Each structure stands twice: as C-alpha cells, then as structure tokens.
C-alpha cells in the first residue's frame, strides 16, 4: 500500500465505531449530570473535563 499503510478489515472500523460511541455516551451522560447538578442549562467544557 502507498505510504506503508497496511489494509485492515472493515470489521475493525465497525468495532471501533461502537466502542467510541459507547465511550462518548458515557462522557456526555456524566457531563450533563454535572450541568444539572449545578442548575445550569448549558454544558461547559469544564463539565466535560470533569466527566472524563
């Protein structure tokens, strides 16, 4: 392959997408929880950092 990049199975992309989706769902859920606890309606970047 060009640039020394090897071909990989398409299933890897599906699995990676699923893992990333579940990770982001958890982070967003936690960030929203922080926002609600602070009685705000806007999620801030600090909420996301704390959720991580």
PDB file of N, CA and C in Angstrom:
ATOM      1  N   UNK A   1       0.827  -1.197   0.000  1.00  0.00           N
ATOM      2  CA  UNK A   1       0.000   0.000   0.000  1.00  0.00           C
ATOM      3  C   UNK A   1       0.867   1.253   0.000  1.00  0.00           C
ATOM      4  N   UNK A   2       0.298   2.293  -0.484  1.00  0.00           N
ATOM      5  CA  UNK A   2       1.010   3.549  -0.571  1.00  0.00           C
ATOM      6  C   UNK A   2       1.308   4.113   0.825  1.00  0.00           C
ATOM      7  N   UNK A   3       2.487   4.613   1.019  1.00  0.00           N
ATOM      8  CA  UNK A   3       2.838   5.226   2.293  1.00  0.00           C
ATOM      9  C   UNK A   3       3.067   4.223   3.410  1.00  0.00           C
ATOM     10  N   UNK A   4       3.172   2.951   3.077  1.00  0.00           N
ATOM     11  CA  UNK A   4       3.432   1.943   4.082  1.00  0.00           C
ATOM     12  C   UNK A   4       2.236   1.626   4.962  1.00  0.00           C
ATOM     13  N   UNK A   5       1.032   2.015   4.549  1.00  0.00           N
ATOM     14  CA  UNK A   5      -0.167   1.736   5.336  1.00  0.00           C
ATOM     15  C   UNK A   5      -0.741   0.399   4.911  1.00  0.00           C
ATOM     16  N   UNK A   6      -0.924  -0.484   5.876  1.00  0.00           N
ATOM     17  CA  UNK A   6      -1.459  -1.807   5.556  1.00  0.00           C
ATOM     18  C   UNK A   6      -2.973  -1.775   5.554  1.00  0.00           C
ATOM     19  N   UNK A   7      -3.545  -2.664   4.785  1.00  0.00           N
ATOM     20  CA  UNK A   7      -5.002  -2.779   4.740  1.00  0.00           C
ATOM     21  C   UNK A   7      -5.473  -3.510   5.989  1.00  0.00           C
ATOM     22  N   UNK A   8      -6.618  -3.079   6.512  1.00  0.00           N
ATOM     23  CA  UNK A   8      -7.193  -3.776   7.657  1.00  0.00           C
ATOM     24  C   UNK A   8      -8.645  -4.111   7.352  1.00  0.00           C
ATOM     25  N   UNK A   9      -9.160  -5.026   8.111  1.00  0.00           N
ATOM     26  CA  UNK A   9     -10.526  -5.490   7.898  1.00  0.00           C
ATOM     27  C   UNK A   9     -11.535  -4.373   8.157  1.00  0.00           C
ATOM     28  N   UNK A  10     -12.614  -4.379   7.390  1.00  0.00           N
ATOM     29  CA  UNK A  10     -13.673  -3.383   7.574  1.00  0.00           C
ATOM     30  C   UNK A  10     -14.367  -3.570   8.918  1.00  0.00           C
ATOM     31  N   UNK A  11     -14.326  -4.774   9.468  1.00  0.00           N
ATOM     32  CA  UNK A  11     -14.959  -5.035  10.763  1.00  0.00           C
ATOM     33  C   UNK A  11     -14.296  -4.228  11.883  1.00  0.00           C
ATOM     34  N   UNK A  12     -13.013  -3.928  11.723  1.00  0.00           N
ATOM     35  CA  UNK A  12     -12.307  -3.136  12.736  1.00  0.00           C
ATOM     36  C   UNK A  12     -12.973  -1.770  12.876  1.00  0.00           C
ATOM     37  N   UNK A  13     -13.352  -1.187  11.736  1.00  0.00           N
ATOM     38  CA  UNK A  13     -13.986   0.129  11.780  1.00  0.00           C
ATOM     39  C   UNK A  13     -15.324   0.062  12.499  1.00  0.00           C
ATOM     40  N   UNK A  14     -16.097  -0.987  12.247  1.00  0.00           N
ATOM     41  CA  UNK A  14     -17.391  -1.149  12.918  1.00  0.00           C
ATOM     42  C   UNK A  14     -17.197  -1.267  14.429  1.00  0.00           C
ATOM     43  N   UNK A  15     -16.238  -2.083  14.825  1.00  0.00           N
ATOM     44  CA  UNK A  15     -15.990  -2.286  16.254  1.00  0.00           C
ATOM     45  C   UNK A  15     -15.508  -0.989  16.905  1.00  0.00           C
ATOM     46  N   UNK A  16     -14.602  -0.297  16.225  1.00  0.00           N
ATOM     47  CA  UNK A  16     -14.081   0.966  16.755  1.00  0.00           C
ATOM     48  C   UNK A  16     -15.195   1.985  16.904  1.00  0.00           C
ATOM     49  N   UNK A  17     -16.073   2.055  15.917  1.00  0.00           N
ATOM     50  CA  UNK A  17     -17.197   2.995  15.975  1.00  0.00           C
ATOM     51  C   UNK A  17     -18.090   2.689  17.178  1.00  0.00           C
ATOM     52  N   UNK A  18     -18.339   1.405  17.422  1.00  0.00           N
ATOM     53  CA  UNK A  18     -19.180   1.013  18.552  1.00  0.00           C
ATOM     54  C   UNK A  18     -18.552   1.371  19.887  1.00  0.00           C
ATOM     55  N   UNK A  19     -17.250   1.119  20.012  1.00  0.00           N
ATOM     56  CA  UNK A  19     -16.549   1.431  21.265  1.00  0.00           C
ATOM     57  C   UNK A  19     -16.536   2.938  21.502  1.00  0.00           C
ATOM     58  N   UNK A  20     -16.239   3.698  20.453  1.00  0.00           N
ATOM     59  CA  UNK A  20     -16.200   5.156  20.580  1.00  0.00           C
ATOM     60  C   UNK A  20     -17.571   5.708  20.950  1.00  0.00           C
ATOM     61  N   UNK A  21     -18.611   5.155  20.338  1.00  0.00           N
ATOM     62  CA  UNK A  21     -19.978   5.619  20.610  1.00  0.00           C
ATOM     63  C   UNK A  21     -20.339   5.394  22.072  1.00  0.00           C
ATOM     64  N   UNK A  22     -20.053   4.206  22.591  1.00  0.00           N
ATOM     65  CA  UNK A  22     -20.405   3.923  23.985  1.00  0.00           C
ATOM     66  C   UNK A  22     -19.582   4.787  24.946  1.00  0.00           C
ATOM     67  N   UNK A  23     -18.313   5.038  24.609  1.00  0.00           N
ATOM     68  CA  UNK A  23     -17.473   5.896  25.450  1.00  0.00           C
ATOM     69  C   UNK A  23     -18.038   7.315  25.494  1.00  0.00           C
ATOM     70  N   UNK A  24     -18.379   7.850  24.316  1.00  0.00           N
ATOM     71  CA  UNK A  24     -18.897   9.216  24.255  1.00  0.00           C
ATOM     72  C   UNK A  24     -20.252   9.340  24.943  1.00  0.00           C
ATOM     73  N   UNK A  25     -21.082   8.308  24.825  1.00  0.00           N
ATOM     74  CA  UNK A  25     -22.381   8.338  25.506  1.00  0.00           C
ATOM     75  C   UNK A  25     -22.191   8.470  27.011  1.00  0.00           C
ATOM     76  N   UNK A  26     -21.237   7.726  27.555  1.00  0.00           N
ATOM     77  CA  UNK A  26     -20.961   7.797  28.992  1.00  0.00           C
ATOM     78  C   UNK A  26     -20.436   9.158  29.409  1.00  0.00           C
ATOM     79  N   UNK A  27     -19.514   9.706  28.624  1.00  0.00           N
ATOM     80  CA  UNK A  27     -18.942  11.015  28.953  1.00  0.00           C
ATOM     81  C   UNK A  27     -20.018  12.096  28.891  1.00  0.00           C
ATOM     82  N   UNK A  28     -20.844  12.055  27.843  1.00  0.00           N
ATOM     83  CA  UNK A  28     -21.899  13.062  27.703  1.00  0.00           C
ATOM     84  C   UNK A  28     -22.913  12.942  28.834  1.00  0.00           C
ATOM     85  N   UNK A  29     -23.266  11.709  29.193  1.00  0.00           N
ATOM     86  CA  UNK A  29     -24.208  11.496  30.293  1.00  0.00           C
ATOM     87  C   UNK A  29     -23.658  12.111  31.586  1.00  0.00           C
ATOM     88  N   UNK A  30     -22.380  11.855  31.870  1.00  0.00           N
ATOM     89  CA  UNK A  30     -21.775  12.397  33.088  1.00  0.00           C
ATOM     90  C   UNK A  30     -21.686  13.923  33.037  1.00  0.00           C
ATOM     91  N   UNK A  31     -21.337  14.476  31.881  1.00  0.00           N
ATOM     92  CA  UNK A  31     -21.231  15.929  31.744  1.00  0.00           C
ATOM     93  C   UNK A  31     -22.586  16.590  31.971  1.00  0.00           C
ATOM     94  N   UNK A  32     -23.641  15.979  31.449  1.00  0.00           N
ATOM     95  CA  UNK A  32     -24.988  16.524  31.644  1.00  0.00           C
ATOM     96  C   UNK A  32     -25.382  16.434  33.113  1.00  0.00           C
ATOM     97  N   UNK A  33     -24.961  15.368  33.783  1.00  0.00           N
ATOM     98  CA  UNK A  33     -25.246  15.232  35.214  1.00  0.00           C
ATOM     99  C   UNK A  33     -24.590  16.363  36.003  1.00  0.00           C
ATOM    100  N   UNK A  34     -23.333  16.680  35.677  1.00  0.00           N
ATOM    101  CA  UNK A  34     -22.655  17.803  36.331  1.00  0.00           C
ATOM    102  C   UNK A  34     -23.411  19.102  36.080  1.00  0.00           C
ATOM    103  N   UNK A  35     -23.858  19.294  34.841  1.00  0.00           N
ATOM    104  CA  UNK A  35     -24.576  20.520  34.477  1.00  0.00           C
ATOM    105  C   UNK A  35     -25.883  20.638  35.249  1.00  0.00           C
ATOM    106  N   UNK A  36     -26.631  19.548  35.313  1.00  0.00           N
ATOM    107  CA  UNK A  36     -27.910  19.570  36.026  1.00  0.00           C
ATOM    108  C   UNK A  36     -27.705  19.824  37.518  1.00  0.00           C
ATOM    109  N   UNK A  37     -26.654  19.228  38.069  1.00  0.00           N
ATOM    110  CA  UNK A  37     -26.383  19.411  39.498  1.00  0.00           C
ATOM    111  C   UNK A  37     -26.075  20.875  39.810  1.00  0.00           C
ATOM    112  N   UNK A  38     -25.432  21.557  38.867  1.00  0.00           N
ATOM    113  CA  UNK A  38     -25.098  22.971  39.058  1.00  0.00           C
ATOM    114  C   UNK A  38     -26.272  23.883  38.701  1.00  0.00           C
ATOM    115  N   UNK A  39     -27.407  23.272  38.356  1.00  0.00           N
ATOM    116  CA  UNK A  39     -28.625  24.015  37.996  1.00  0.00           C
ATOM    117  C   UNK A  39     -28.390  24.953  36.820  1.00  0.00           C
ATOM    118  N   UNK A  40     -27.670  24.453  35.828  1.00  0.00           N
ATOM    119  CA  UNK A  40     -27.436  25.205  34.596  1.00  0.00           C
ATOM    120  C   UNK A  40     -28.077  24.471  33.442  1.00  0.00           C
ATOM    121  N   UNK A  41     -28.248  25.179  32.333  1.00  0.00           N
ATOM    122  CA  UNK A  41     -28.820  24.547  31.146  1.00  0.00           C
ATOM    123  C   UNK A  41     -27.785  24.349  30.052  1.00  0.00           C
ATOM    124  N   UNK A  42     -26.598  24.920  30.246  1.00  0.00           N
ATOM    125  CA  UNK A  42     -25.546  24.831  29.240  1.00  0.00           C
ATOM    126  C   UNK A  42     -24.399  23.975  29.763  1.00  0.00           C
ATOM    127  N   UNK A  43     -23.994  22.998  28.972  1.00  0.00           N
ATOM    128  CA  UNK A  43     -22.853  22.156  29.335  1.00  0.00           C
ATOM    129  C   UNK A  43     -21.580  22.922  28.989  1.00  0.00           C
ATOM    130  N   UNK A  44     -20.704  23.084  29.967  1.00  0.00           N
ATOM    131  CA  UNK A  44     -19.448  23.799  29.731  1.00  0.00           C
ATOM    132  C   UNK A  44     -18.324  22.806  29.462  1.00  0.00           C
ATOM    133  N   UNK A  45     -17.225  23.334  28.974  1.00  0.00           N
ATOM    134  CA  UNK A  45     -16.077  22.469  28.705  1.00  0.00           C
ATOM    135  C   UNK A  45     -15.548  21.853  29.998  1.00  0.00           C
ATOM    136  N   UNK A  46     -15.651  22.575  31.103  1.00  0.00           N
ATOM    137  CA  UNK A  46     -15.201  22.025  32.387  1.00  0.00           C
ATOM    138  C   UNK A  46     -16.058  20.842  32.814  1.00  0.00           C
ATOM    139  N   UNK A  47     -17.350  20.880  32.495  1.00  0.00           N
ATOM    140  CA  UNK A  47     -18.216  19.737  32.794  1.00  0.00           C
ATOM    141  C   UNK A  47     -17.698  18.496  32.082  1.00  0.00           C
ATOM    142  N   UNK A  48     -17.298  18.671  30.839  1.00  0.00           N
ATOM    143  CA  UNK A  48     -16.786  17.540  30.055  1.00  0.00           C
ATOM    144  C   UNK A  48     -15.465  17.058  30.640  1.00  0.00           C
ATOM    145  N   UNK A  49     -14.600  17.983  31.022  1.00  0.00           N
ATOM    146  CA  UNK A  49     -13.310  17.603  31.621  1.00  0.00           C
ATOM    147  C   UNK A  49     -13.533  16.824  32.906  1.00  0.00           C
ATOM    148  N   UNK A  50     -14.447  17.292  33.746  1.00  0.00           N
ATOM    149  CA  UNK A  50     -14.737  16.579  34.993  1.00  0.00           C
ATOM    150  C   UNK A  50     -15.337  15.205  34.710  1.00  0.00           C
ATOM    151  N   UNK A  51     -16.123  15.101  33.649  1.00  0.00           N
ATOM    152  CA  UNK A  51     -16.746  13.822  33.300  1.00  0.00           C
ATOM    153  C   UNK A  51     -15.707  12.805  32.844  1.00  0.00           C
ATOM    154  N   UNK A  52     -14.599  13.297  32.319  1.00  0.00           N
ATOM    155  CA  UNK A  52     -13.542  12.377  31.891  1.00  0.00           C
ATOM    156  C   UNK A  52     -12.806  11.846  33.104  1.00  0.00           C
TER     157      UNK A  52
END
